[in-house]
Amino acid sequence: MKEFFGKVFRNYIVRHLMAMALVVILLCVGVGIGLDYYTHHGEGIVVPDLKGMGYDKACRLLAERGLDIVVSDSGYSKLLPANSVLAQTPAFGQKVKQGRIVYVTINSPHSPTFAVPDIVDNSSVREAEARLQAMGFRLTEPLLVDGEKDWVYGILCRGRRISNGDRITMDYPLTLMVGKGTIDESEDVEIIDSVAEVDEFVEVSAP
């Protein structure tokens, strides 16, 4: 009798253990399937190439694919129209989920302006050229004037004299007024202010 009940008890325990193991396996499989469904495993929307595309067109294209767009920054390029896309994140070709935000950099309609550093009557031509070129300005050959050799006495932008702190665009090159090492008392260095005016407008503003 004891052997009979012992076998039944052992079989009962074995069956319960097997049932518990089966339940655990089914739970794991169910959770995996549920996660795949919830996260759309294996599915994704390919991010289109927006570079060079107008902002409005980019908005429509992303909306058609279930994606959103946010302008994160602006820049400037002469080669592209205003309000076109300069850069994007995520990049072209990446797969993302529906509703993902694509951040874009938009081309500004105007070239940015930068303040002229404190170089007039405060630095040598070599120092001035280094600072201006580091900022991205283009320079022409210096204009030699009477004064201490290699000393910067002024800056010209398209025939107009500008001062330290003036904000100017980088579209036009600058010309440094540099001393040639001689001083003629009969001439005034400031005479350069009378340079003939040009027909086109030069973008210069007070700081």
N, C-alpha and C. Protein backbone atom coordinates (compact mmCIF):
# COMPACT_ATOMS: atom_id res chain seq x y z
N MET A 1 0.83 -1.21 0.00
CA MET A 1 0.00 0.00 0.00
C MET A 1 0.87 1.28 0.00
N LYS A 2 1.89 1.26 0.87
CA LYS A 2 2.77 2.42 0.93
C LYS A 2 3.44 2.67 -0.41
N GLU A 3 3.84 1.56 -1.06
CA GLU A 3 4.49 1.73 -2.36
C GLU A 3 3.52 2.33 -3.36
N PHE A 4 2.26 1.94 -3.31
CA PHE A 4 1.25 2.44 -4.23
C PHE A 4 1.06 3.95 -4.03
N PHE A 5 0.85 4.36 -2.76
CA PHE A 5 0.67 5.79 -2.50
C PHE A 5 1.94 6.59 -2.81
N GLY A 6 3.10 5.95 -2.59
CA GLY A 6 4.35 6.64 -2.90
C GLY A 6 4.48 6.93 -4.39
N LYS A 7 4.09 5.92 -5.20
CA LYS A 7 4.16 6.13 -6.64
C LYS A 7 3.18 7.21 -7.09
N VAL A 8 1.95 7.15 -6.54
CA VAL A 8 0.94 8.15 -6.91
C VAL A 8 1.40 9.55 -6.53
N PHE A 9 1.97 9.67 -5.33
CA PHE A 9 2.43 10.98 -4.86
C PHE A 9 3.56 11.52 -5.73
N ARG A 10 4.49 10.59 -6.08
CA ARG A 10 5.60 11.02 -6.92
C ARG A 10 5.10 11.45 -8.30
N ASN A 11 4.15 10.66 -8.86
CA ASN A 11 3.59 11.02 -10.17
C ASN A 11 2.85 12.35 -10.10
N TYR A 12 2.17 12.61 -9.00
CA TYR A 12 1.44 13.86 -8.82
C TYR A 12 2.40 15.05 -8.83
N ILE A 13 3.51 14.89 -8.10
CA ILE A 13 4.51 15.96 -8.05
C ILE A 13 5.14 16.19 -9.41
N VAL A 14 5.46 15.08 -10.11
CA VAL A 14 6.08 15.19 -11.43
C VAL A 14 5.15 15.91 -12.39
N ARG A 15 3.83 15.54 -12.35
CA ARG A 15 2.87 16.18 -13.25
C ARG A 15 2.75 17.67 -12.95
N HIS A 16 2.76 18.05 -11.70
CA HIS A 16 2.67 19.46 -11.32
C HIS A 16 3.92 20.23 -11.76
N LEU A 17 5.06 19.62 -11.60
CA LEU A 17 6.29 20.27 -12.02
C LEU A 17 6.30 20.47 -13.54
N MET A 18 5.83 19.44 -14.26
CA MET A 18 5.78 19.56 -15.71
C MET A 18 4.78 20.64 -16.13
N ALA A 19 3.66 20.70 -15.43
CA ALA A 19 2.64 21.70 -15.75
C ALA A 19 3.18 23.10 -15.48
N MET A 20 3.89 23.27 -14.37
CA MET A 20 4.47 24.57 -14.05
C MET A 20 5.51 24.98 -15.09
N ALA A 21 6.32 24.03 -15.51
CA ALA A 21 7.33 24.34 -16.53
C ALA A 21 6.67 24.75 -17.84
N LEU A 22 5.57 24.05 -18.20
CA LEU A 22 4.85 24.38 -19.42
C LEU A 22 4.26 25.79 -19.35
N VAL A 23 3.71 26.12 -18.17
CA VAL A 23 3.14 27.46 -17.99
C VAL A 23 4.22 28.53 -18.14
N VAL A 24 5.39 28.29 -17.56
CA VAL A 24 6.49 29.25 -17.65
C VAL A 24 6.91 29.43 -19.11
N ILE A 25 7.01 28.33 -19.84
CA ILE A 25 7.40 28.41 -21.25
C ILE A 25 6.38 29.20 -22.06
N LEU A 26 5.08 28.90 -21.81
CA LEU A 26 4.03 29.61 -22.53
C LEU A 26 4.04 31.10 -22.21
N LEU A 27 4.30 31.44 -20.94
CA LEU A 27 4.39 32.85 -20.55
C LEU A 27 5.52 33.55 -21.27
N CYS A 28 6.67 32.92 -21.33
CA CYS A 28 7.82 33.52 -22.00
C CYS A 28 7.53 33.75 -23.49
N VAL A 29 6.94 32.74 -24.12
CA VAL A 29 6.60 32.87 -25.54
C VAL A 29 5.58 33.98 -25.74
N GLY A 30 4.58 34.03 -24.87
CA GLY A 30 3.54 35.06 -24.99
C GLY A 30 4.10 36.46 -24.80
N VAL A 31 4.98 36.62 -23.81
CA VAL A 31 5.59 37.93 -23.59
C VAL A 31 6.42 38.35 -24.79
N GLY A 32 7.18 37.40 -25.35
CA GLY A 32 8.00 37.72 -26.52
C GLY A 32 7.16 38.15 -27.70
N ILE A 33 6.07 37.43 -27.94
CA ILE A 33 5.18 37.78 -29.06
C ILE A 33 4.54 39.15 -28.81
N GLY A 34 4.14 39.39 -27.55
CA GLY A 34 3.51 40.67 -27.21
C GLY A 34 4.47 41.84 -27.40
N LEU A 35 5.72 41.67 -26.98
CA LEU A 35 6.71 42.73 -27.16
C LEU A 35 6.98 43.00 -28.63
N ASP A 36 7.08 41.94 -29.41
CA ASP A 36 7.30 42.11 -30.85
C ASP A 36 6.15 42.88 -31.49
N TYR A 37 4.94 42.57 -31.05
CA TYR A 37 3.77 43.26 -31.61
C TYR A 37 3.76 44.72 -31.17
N TYR A 38 4.07 44.93 -29.90
CA TYR A 38 4.01 46.29 -29.36
C TYR A 38 5.07 47.20 -29.98
N THR A 39 6.26 46.68 -30.18
CA THR A 39 7.37 47.48 -30.72
C THR A 39 7.50 47.37 -32.24
N HIS A 40 6.57 46.65 -32.89
CA HIS A 40 6.62 46.46 -34.34
C HIS A 40 7.97 45.90 -34.76
N HIS A 41 8.37 44.85 -34.08
CA HIS A 41 9.67 44.24 -34.32
C HIS A 41 9.83 43.88 -35.80
N GLY A 42 10.98 44.28 -36.36
CA GLY A 42 11.26 43.97 -37.76
C GLY A 42 10.64 44.96 -38.72
N GLU A 43 9.81 45.87 -38.21
CA GLU A 43 9.19 46.87 -39.07
C GLU A 43 9.89 48.20 -38.87
N GLY A 44 9.81 49.09 -39.86
CA GLY A 44 10.41 50.41 -39.74
C GLY A 44 10.13 51.24 -40.96
N ILE A 45 10.18 52.56 -40.79
CA ILE A 45 9.96 53.49 -41.89
C ILE A 45 11.32 54.04 -42.29
N VAL A 46 11.64 53.96 -43.55
CA VAL A 46 12.92 54.46 -44.04
C VAL A 46 12.85 55.99 -44.13
N VAL A 47 13.81 56.67 -43.48
CA VAL A 47 13.86 58.13 -43.50
C VAL A 47 14.28 58.60 -44.89
N PRO A 48 13.48 59.46 -45.51
CA PRO A 48 13.85 59.95 -46.86
C PRO A 48 14.98 60.97 -46.82
N ASP A 49 15.57 61.22 -47.96
CA ASP A 49 16.64 62.21 -48.09
C ASP A 49 16.00 63.59 -48.24
N LEU A 50 16.16 64.44 -47.23
CA LEU A 50 15.54 65.76 -47.23
C LEU A 50 16.49 66.88 -47.65
N LYS A 51 17.77 66.60 -47.74
CA LYS A 51 18.75 67.65 -48.01
C LYS A 51 18.47 68.34 -49.35
N GLY A 52 18.43 69.67 -49.29
CA GLY A 52 18.16 70.45 -50.49
C GLY A 52 16.69 70.62 -50.79
N MET A 53 15.84 69.93 -50.04
CA MET A 53 14.40 69.99 -50.26
C MET A 53 13.80 71.18 -49.51
N GLY A 54 12.81 71.82 -50.09
CA GLY A 54 12.12 72.91 -49.40
C GLY A 54 11.44 72.41 -48.14
N TYR A 55 11.34 73.30 -47.15
CA TYR A 55 10.77 72.88 -45.85
C TYR A 55 9.35 72.38 -46.00
N ASP A 56 8.52 73.08 -46.74
CA ASP A 56 7.11 72.67 -46.89
C ASP A 56 7.01 71.30 -47.55
N LYS A 57 7.80 71.06 -48.57
CA LYS A 57 7.78 69.75 -49.24
C LYS A 57 8.25 68.66 -48.29
N ALA A 58 9.28 68.96 -47.48
CA ALA A 58 9.79 67.98 -46.51
C ALA A 58 8.70 67.64 -45.49
N CYS A 59 7.95 68.64 -45.05
CA CYS A 59 6.86 68.40 -44.11
C CYS A 59 5.83 67.44 -44.69
N ARG A 60 5.43 67.68 -45.94
CA ARG A 60 4.42 66.83 -46.58
C ARG A 60 4.93 65.40 -46.76
N LEU A 61 6.18 65.28 -47.18
CA LEU A 61 6.75 63.95 -47.41
C LEU A 61 6.82 63.14 -46.12
N LEU A 62 7.26 63.77 -45.03
CA LEU A 62 7.35 63.06 -43.76
C LEU A 62 5.96 62.72 -43.22
N ALA A 63 5.01 63.63 -43.39
CA ALA A 63 3.65 63.37 -42.92
C ALA A 63 3.04 62.17 -43.64
N GLU A 64 3.33 62.04 -44.93
CA GLU A 64 2.83 60.90 -45.69
C GLU A 64 3.38 59.58 -45.16
N ARG A 65 4.55 59.63 -44.56
CA ARG A 65 5.18 58.41 -44.05
C ARG A 65 4.96 58.23 -42.55
N GLY A 66 4.15 59.10 -41.96
CA GLY A 66 3.86 58.96 -40.54
C GLY A 66 4.95 59.47 -39.63
N LEU A 67 5.76 60.41 -40.13
CA LEU A 67 6.84 60.97 -39.33
C LEU A 67 6.59 62.45 -39.09
N ASP A 68 7.20 62.99 -38.02
CA ASP A 68 7.07 64.40 -37.69
C ASP A 68 8.38 65.12 -38.01
N ILE A 69 8.32 66.45 -38.08
CA ILE A 69 9.50 67.25 -38.38
C ILE A 69 9.60 68.41 -37.41
N VAL A 70 10.83 68.71 -36.97
CA VAL A 70 11.09 69.83 -36.06
C VAL A 70 12.36 70.53 -36.53
N VAL A 71 12.29 71.87 -36.63
CA VAL A 71 13.48 72.65 -37.00
C VAL A 71 14.34 72.83 -35.75
N SER A 72 15.54 72.30 -35.78
CA SER A 72 16.43 72.37 -34.62
C SER A 72 17.49 73.46 -34.74
N ASP A 73 17.76 73.93 -35.97
CA ASP A 73 18.82 74.92 -36.15
C ASP A 73 18.68 75.55 -37.53
N SER A 74 19.46 76.61 -37.77
CA SER A 74 19.50 77.24 -39.09
C SER A 74 20.95 77.47 -39.48
N GLY A 75 21.19 77.54 -40.76
CA GLY A 75 22.53 77.79 -41.28
C GLY A 75 22.43 78.62 -42.54
N TYR A 76 23.53 78.69 -43.28
CA TYR A 76 23.50 79.46 -44.51
C TYR A 76 24.39 78.82 -45.56
N SER A 77 23.83 78.67 -46.76
CA SER A 77 24.59 78.18 -47.90
C SER A 77 24.13 78.92 -49.14
N LYS A 78 25.09 79.47 -49.88
CA LYS A 78 24.76 80.17 -51.12
C LYS A 78 24.23 79.21 -52.18
N LEU A 79 24.58 77.93 -52.05
CA LEU A 79 24.28 76.97 -53.10
C LEU A 79 22.85 76.46 -53.04
N LEU A 80 22.13 76.73 -51.94
CA LEU A 80 20.77 76.22 -51.79
C LEU A 80 19.78 77.35 -51.58
N PRO A 81 18.52 77.14 -51.98
CA PRO A 81 17.51 78.18 -51.79
C PRO A 81 17.22 78.40 -50.30
N ALA A 82 16.65 79.56 -50.01
CA ALA A 82 16.26 79.85 -48.63
C ALA A 82 15.18 78.87 -48.19
N ASN A 83 15.20 78.53 -46.89
CA ASN A 83 14.22 77.63 -46.26
C ASN A 83 14.29 76.19 -46.78
N SER A 84 15.42 75.83 -47.36
CA SER A 84 15.63 74.43 -47.74
C SER A 84 16.39 73.72 -46.64
N VAL A 85 16.35 72.40 -46.66
CA VAL A 85 16.96 71.59 -45.61
C VAL A 85 18.47 71.44 -45.86
N LEU A 86 19.26 71.81 -44.85
CA LEU A 86 20.72 71.67 -44.94
C LEU A 86 21.20 70.35 -44.35
N ALA A 87 20.56 69.90 -43.28
CA ALA A 87 20.98 68.68 -42.60
C ALA A 87 19.77 68.07 -41.90
N GLN A 88 19.87 66.79 -41.57
CA GLN A 88 18.76 66.09 -40.92
C GLN A 88 19.27 65.02 -39.97
N THR A 89 18.47 64.77 -38.92
CA THR A 89 18.72 63.70 -37.97
C THR A 89 17.39 63.08 -37.56
N PRO A 90 17.19 61.76 -37.74
CA PRO A 90 18.10 60.73 -38.26
C PRO A 90 18.45 60.94 -39.74
N ALA A 91 19.55 60.32 -40.12
CA ALA A 91 20.06 60.50 -41.47
C ALA A 91 19.23 59.73 -42.49
N PHE A 92 19.40 60.09 -43.73
CA PHE A 92 18.72 59.42 -44.83
C PHE A 92 19.05 57.92 -44.84
N GLY A 93 18.00 57.10 -45.00
CA GLY A 93 18.18 55.66 -45.11
C GLY A 93 17.99 54.90 -43.81
N GLN A 94 18.00 55.59 -42.67
CA GLN A 94 17.79 54.90 -41.40
C GLN A 94 16.33 54.48 -41.25
N LYS A 95 16.11 53.37 -40.53
CA LYS A 95 14.76 52.90 -40.25
C LYS A 95 14.32 53.35 -38.87
N VAL A 96 13.15 53.96 -38.80
CA VAL A 96 12.62 54.46 -37.54
C VAL A 96 11.17 54.02 -37.40
N LYS A 97 10.62 54.20 -36.19
CA LYS A 97 9.24 53.84 -35.94
C LYS A 97 8.31 54.97 -36.34
N GLN A 98 7.09 54.62 -36.55
CA GLN A 98 6.08 55.62 -36.90
C GLN A 98 5.97 56.66 -35.79
N GLY A 99 5.82 57.92 -36.18
CA GLY A 99 5.71 59.00 -35.21
C GLY A 99 7.05 59.59 -34.79
N ARG A 100 8.15 59.04 -35.29
CA ARG A 100 9.48 59.54 -34.92
C ARG A 100 9.67 60.96 -35.44
N ILE A 101 10.35 61.80 -34.67
CA ILE A 101 10.63 63.17 -35.07
C ILE A 101 11.95 63.21 -35.86
N VAL A 102 11.92 63.89 -37.00
CA VAL A 102 13.12 64.13 -37.79
C VAL A 102 13.51 65.59 -37.58
N TYR A 103 14.70 65.81 -37.03
CA TYR A 103 15.18 67.17 -36.75
C TYR A 103 15.97 67.68 -37.96
N VAL A 104 15.67 68.91 -38.38
CA VAL A 104 16.31 69.46 -39.59
C VAL A 104 16.94 70.81 -39.31
N THR A 105 17.98 71.12 -40.09
CA THR A 105 18.61 72.44 -40.10
C THR A 105 18.18 73.14 -41.39
N ILE A 106 17.65 74.36 -41.26
CA ILE A 106 17.07 75.07 -42.39
C ILE A 106 18.01 76.19 -42.87
N ASN A 107 18.07 76.37 -44.18
CA ASN A 107 18.92 77.40 -44.77
C ASN A 107 18.31 78.78 -44.57
N SER A 108 19.08 79.67 -43.98
CA SER A 108 18.61 81.03 -43.72
C SER A 108 18.56 81.82 -45.03
N PRO A 109 17.59 82.75 -45.18
CA PRO A 109 17.51 83.53 -46.41
C PRO A 109 18.63 84.57 -46.53
N HIS A 110 19.31 84.86 -45.45
CA HIS A 110 20.38 85.86 -45.49
C HIS A 110 21.66 85.30 -44.88
N SER A 111 22.77 85.78 -45.40
CA SER A 111 24.05 85.40 -44.82
C SER A 111 24.15 85.97 -43.41
N PRO A 112 24.67 85.19 -42.47
CA PRO A 112 24.81 85.71 -41.10
C PRO A 112 25.84 86.83 -41.04
N THR A 113 25.68 87.71 -40.07
CA THR A 113 26.64 88.80 -39.88
C THR A 113 27.46 88.55 -38.62
N PHE A 114 28.67 89.06 -38.62
CA PHE A 114 29.57 88.88 -37.49
C PHE A 114 30.21 90.23 -37.14
N ALA A 115 30.45 90.42 -35.85
CA ALA A 115 31.06 91.66 -35.39
C ALA A 115 32.55 91.68 -35.72
N VAL A 116 33.00 92.80 -36.25
CA VAL A 116 34.43 92.96 -36.55
C VAL A 116 35.20 93.02 -35.23
N PRO A 117 36.22 92.18 -35.07
CA PRO A 117 36.98 92.19 -33.81
C PRO A 117 37.78 93.48 -33.64
N ASP A 118 38.29 93.68 -32.46
CA ASP A 118 39.03 94.90 -32.12
C ASP A 118 40.44 94.83 -32.68
N ILE A 119 40.56 95.15 -33.97
CA ILE A 119 41.87 95.07 -34.62
C ILE A 119 42.33 96.41 -35.18
N VAL A 120 41.39 97.32 -35.46
CA VAL A 120 41.77 98.62 -36.03
C VAL A 120 42.57 99.42 -35.01
N ASP A 121 43.77 99.84 -35.43
CA ASP A 121 44.68 100.60 -34.56
C ASP A 121 44.99 99.85 -33.27
N ASN A 122 44.96 98.50 -33.37
CA ASN A 122 45.20 97.71 -32.16
C ASN A 122 45.97 96.43 -32.45
N SER A 123 46.42 96.23 -33.70
CA SER A 123 47.14 94.99 -34.00
C SER A 123 47.94 95.14 -35.29
N SER A 124 48.86 94.21 -35.48
CA SER A 124 49.65 94.18 -36.71
C SER A 124 48.84 93.50 -37.80
N VAL A 125 49.28 93.63 -39.04
CA VAL A 125 48.56 93.04 -40.15
C VAL A 125 48.51 91.52 -40.02
N ARG A 126 49.58 90.93 -39.53
CA ARG A 126 49.60 89.47 -39.39
C ARG A 126 48.58 89.01 -38.36
N GLU A 127 48.50 89.71 -37.23
CA GLU A 127 47.53 89.36 -36.20
C GLU A 127 46.10 89.57 -36.70
N ALA A 128 45.87 90.68 -37.40
CA ALA A 128 44.53 90.97 -37.91
C ALA A 128 44.09 89.94 -38.93
N GLU A 129 44.98 89.57 -39.85
CA GLU A 129 44.63 88.57 -40.86
C GLU A 129 44.30 87.23 -40.21
N ALA A 130 45.08 86.85 -39.21
CA ALA A 130 44.85 85.58 -38.54
C ALA A 130 43.48 85.56 -37.87
N ARG A 131 43.11 86.64 -37.18
CA ARG A 131 41.82 86.69 -36.47
C ARG A 131 40.64 86.70 -37.44
N LEU A 132 40.76 87.49 -38.49
CA LEU A 132 39.65 87.60 -39.45
C LEU A 132 39.45 86.30 -40.23
N GLN A 133 40.53 85.69 -40.65
CA GLN A 133 40.43 84.44 -41.40
C GLN A 133 39.92 83.30 -40.53
N ALA A 134 40.28 83.32 -39.25
CA ALA A 134 39.77 82.31 -38.33
C ALA A 134 38.26 82.42 -38.17
N MET A 135 37.72 83.62 -38.30
CA MET A 135 36.28 83.85 -38.20
C MET A 135 35.56 83.50 -39.50
N GLY A 136 36.32 83.34 -40.60
CA GLY A 136 35.73 82.99 -41.88
C GLY A 136 35.67 84.10 -42.89
N PHE A 137 36.22 85.28 -42.56
CA PHE A 137 36.24 86.39 -43.50
C PHE A 137 37.27 86.15 -44.61
N ARG A 138 36.95 86.64 -45.80
CA ARG A 138 37.89 86.62 -46.90
C ARG A 138 38.57 87.97 -46.99
N LEU A 139 39.85 87.96 -47.35
CA LEU A 139 40.64 89.20 -47.38
C LEU A 139 41.24 89.41 -48.76
N THR A 140 41.31 90.70 -49.15
CA THR A 140 42.00 91.06 -50.38
C THR A 140 43.41 91.53 -50.01
N GLU A 141 44.16 91.95 -51.03
CA GLU A 141 45.49 92.50 -50.77
C GLU A 141 45.36 93.76 -49.92
N PRO A 142 46.20 93.94 -48.90
CA PRO A 142 46.11 95.13 -48.05
C PRO A 142 46.29 96.42 -48.85
N LEU A 143 45.64 97.48 -48.39
CA LEU A 143 45.82 98.81 -48.97
C LEU A 143 46.86 99.54 -48.14
N LEU A 144 47.98 99.88 -48.76
CA LEU A 144 49.08 100.54 -48.04
C LEU A 144 48.78 102.03 -47.87
N VAL A 145 48.95 102.50 -46.64
CA VAL A 145 48.73 103.91 -46.31
C VAL A 145 49.93 104.40 -45.51
N ASP A 146 50.04 105.73 -45.39
CA ASP A 146 51.11 106.28 -44.58
C ASP A 146 50.90 105.91 -43.12
N GLY A 147 51.95 105.45 -42.49
CA GLY A 147 51.86 105.08 -41.09
C GLY A 147 52.91 104.06 -40.72
N GLU A 148 52.87 103.62 -39.48
CA GLU A 148 53.84 102.64 -38.98
C GLU A 148 53.73 101.36 -39.79
N LYS A 149 54.85 100.79 -40.16
CA LYS A 149 54.89 99.63 -41.03
C LYS A 149 54.13 98.45 -40.42
N ASP A 150 53.27 97.84 -41.26
CA ASP A 150 52.50 96.63 -40.91
C ASP A 150 51.51 96.86 -39.77
N TRP A 151 51.15 98.10 -39.50
CA TRP A 151 50.15 98.38 -38.47
C TRP A 151 48.80 98.62 -39.15
N VAL A 152 47.72 98.06 -38.56
CA VAL A 152 46.39 98.18 -39.16
C VAL A 152 45.74 99.49 -38.74
N TYR A 153 45.41 100.33 -39.74
CA TYR A 153 44.79 101.63 -39.47
C TYR A 153 43.30 101.65 -39.82
N GLY A 154 42.82 100.64 -40.49
CA GLY A 154 41.40 100.62 -40.84
C GLY A 154 41.04 99.39 -41.65
N ILE A 155 39.72 99.24 -41.91
CA ILE A 155 39.21 98.12 -42.70
C ILE A 155 38.21 98.67 -43.71
N LEU A 156 38.29 98.19 -44.93
CA LEU A 156 37.34 98.57 -45.97
C LEU A 156 36.51 97.36 -46.38
N CYS A 157 35.21 97.61 -46.62
CA CYS A 157 34.32 96.58 -47.16
C CYS A 157 33.58 97.19 -48.35
N ARG A 158 33.97 96.77 -49.54
CA ARG A 158 33.38 97.28 -50.78
C ARG A 158 33.46 98.80 -50.87
N GLY A 159 34.59 99.35 -50.52
CA GLY A 159 34.83 100.78 -50.64
C GLY A 159 34.35 101.61 -49.47
N ARG A 160 33.77 100.97 -48.46
CA ARG A 160 33.28 101.71 -47.30
C ARG A 160 34.08 101.32 -46.07
N ARG A 161 34.46 102.32 -45.30
CA ARG A 161 35.26 102.04 -44.11
C ARG A 161 34.36 101.56 -42.97
N ILE A 162 34.80 100.52 -42.29
CA ILE A 162 34.06 99.99 -41.16
C ILE A 162 34.92 100.04 -39.90
N SER A 163 34.28 99.91 -38.76
CA SER A 163 34.98 100.06 -37.48
C SER A 163 34.87 98.79 -36.65
N ASN A 164 35.67 98.76 -35.58
CA ASN A 164 35.59 97.65 -34.64
C ASN A 164 34.16 97.53 -34.10
N GLY A 165 33.65 96.32 -34.08
CA GLY A 165 32.31 96.09 -33.53
C GLY A 165 31.20 96.14 -34.54
N ASP A 166 31.43 96.71 -35.74
CA ASP A 166 30.40 96.71 -36.77
C ASP A 166 30.08 95.27 -37.17
N ARG A 167 28.82 95.01 -37.43
CA ARG A 167 28.40 93.67 -37.87
C ARG A 167 28.29 93.68 -39.39
N ILE A 168 29.01 92.78 -40.02
CA ILE A 168 29.02 92.72 -41.49
C ILE A 168 28.85 91.28 -41.95
N THR A 169 28.35 91.14 -43.17
CA THR A 169 28.18 89.82 -43.75
C THR A 169 29.50 89.30 -44.28
N MET A 170 29.61 87.99 -44.40
CA MET A 170 30.81 87.38 -44.94
C MET A 170 30.76 87.21 -46.45
N ASP A 171 29.69 87.72 -47.06
CA ASP A 171 29.58 87.60 -48.51
C ASP A 171 30.63 88.40 -49.25
N TYR A 172 31.10 89.49 -48.62
CA TYR A 172 32.05 90.38 -49.28
C TYR A 172 33.41 90.34 -48.59
N PRO A 173 34.50 90.39 -49.36
CA PRO A 173 35.84 90.38 -48.77
C PRO A 173 36.16 91.70 -48.09
N LEU A 174 37.14 91.65 -47.19
CA LEU A 174 37.60 92.84 -46.48
C LEU A 174 39.00 93.23 -46.96
N THR A 175 39.27 94.53 -46.86
CA THR A 175 40.59 95.04 -47.22
C THR A 175 41.17 95.77 -46.02
N LEU A 176 42.32 95.34 -45.57
CA LEU A 176 42.98 95.98 -44.44
C LEU A 176 43.79 97.18 -44.91
N MET A 177 43.67 98.28 -44.18
CA MET A 177 44.49 99.47 -44.43
C MET A 177 45.73 99.36 -43.56
N VAL A 178 46.88 99.15 -44.19
CA VAL A 178 48.10 98.82 -43.46
C VAL A 178 49.17 99.88 -43.70
N GLY A 179 49.85 100.26 -42.63
CA GLY A 179 50.93 101.24 -42.74
C GLY A 179 52.08 100.71 -43.57
N LYS A 180 52.63 101.60 -44.41
CA LYS A 180 53.74 101.19 -45.28
C LYS A 180 55.11 101.59 -44.75
N GLY A 181 55.12 102.18 -43.55
CA GLY A 181 56.40 102.48 -42.93
C GLY A 181 56.87 103.89 -43.12
N THR A 182 56.05 104.71 -43.77
CA THR A 182 56.41 106.13 -43.95
C THR A 182 55.23 106.99 -43.52
N ILE A 183 55.53 108.19 -43.05
CA ILE A 183 54.49 109.11 -42.63
C ILE A 183 54.68 110.42 -43.36
N ASP A 184 53.68 110.79 -44.14
CA ASP A 184 53.71 112.05 -44.88
C ASP A 184 52.77 113.01 -44.18
N GLU A 185 53.32 114.03 -43.51
CA GLU A 185 52.50 114.94 -42.74
C GLU A 185 51.55 115.75 -43.59
N SER A 186 51.78 115.78 -44.90
CA SER A 186 50.89 116.53 -45.78
C SER A 186 49.62 115.78 -46.08
N GLU A 187 49.59 114.49 -45.72
CA GLU A 187 48.41 113.68 -45.97
C GLU A 187 47.85 113.18 -44.65
N ASP A 188 46.56 112.99 -44.63
CA ASP A 188 45.88 112.48 -43.44
C ASP A 188 45.36 111.09 -43.76
N VAL A 189 45.71 110.16 -42.91
CA VAL A 189 45.27 108.79 -43.14
C VAL A 189 43.76 108.70 -43.24
N GLU A 190 43.04 109.58 -42.53
CA GLU A 190 41.59 109.53 -42.52
C GLU A 190 40.99 109.88 -43.87
N ILE A 191 41.80 110.36 -44.84
CA ILE A 191 41.29 110.74 -46.14
C ILE A 191 40.60 109.58 -46.82
N ILE A 192 40.88 108.36 -46.37
CA ILE A 192 40.29 107.18 -46.98
C ILE A 192 38.78 107.17 -46.83
N ASP A 193 38.25 107.95 -45.87
CA ASP A 193 36.80 108.00 -45.68
C ASP A 193 36.09 108.56 -46.90
N SER A 194 36.82 109.26 -47.76
CA SER A 194 36.19 109.87 -48.92
C SER A 194 36.20 108.96 -50.14
N VAL A 195 36.49 107.66 -49.92
CA VAL A 195 36.48 106.71 -51.04
C VAL A 195 35.13 106.78 -51.73
N ALA A 196 35.12 106.73 -53.04
CA ALA A 196 33.88 106.85 -53.79
C ALA A 196 32.88 105.80 -53.36
N GLU A 197 31.65 106.21 -53.18
CA GLU A 197 30.61 105.29 -52.75
C GLU A 197 30.27 104.35 -53.89
N VAL A 198 29.89 103.13 -53.52
CA VAL A 198 29.50 102.15 -54.52
C VAL A 198 28.00 102.18 -54.68
N ASP A 199 27.51 101.65 -55.80
CA ASP A 199 26.08 101.69 -56.09
C ASP A 199 25.29 100.73 -55.22
N GLU A 200 25.91 99.59 -54.90
CA GLU A 200 25.17 98.58 -54.16
C GLU A 200 25.30 98.80 -52.66
N PHE A 201 24.30 98.31 -51.95
CA PHE A 201 24.26 98.46 -50.50
C PHE A 201 25.20 97.49 -49.83
N VAL A 202 25.93 97.97 -48.84
CA VAL A 202 26.81 97.12 -48.04
C VAL A 202 26.16 96.93 -46.69
N GLU A 203 26.00 95.69 -46.28
CA GLU A 203 25.32 95.41 -45.02
C GLU A 203 26.26 95.66 -43.85
N VAL A 204 26.11 96.79 -43.20
CA VAL A 204 26.93 97.15 -42.05
C VAL A 204 25.99 97.76 -41.03
N SER A 205 26.07 97.33 -39.81
CA SER A 205 25.20 97.87 -38.77
C SER A 205 25.99 98.10 -37.52
N ALA A 206 25.52 99.01 -36.68
CA ALA A 206 26.19 99.29 -35.42
C ALA A 206 26.04 98.11 -34.50
N PRO A 207 26.99 97.88 -33.60
CA PRO A 207 26.90 96.73 -32.68
C PRO A 207 25.70 96.87 -31.77
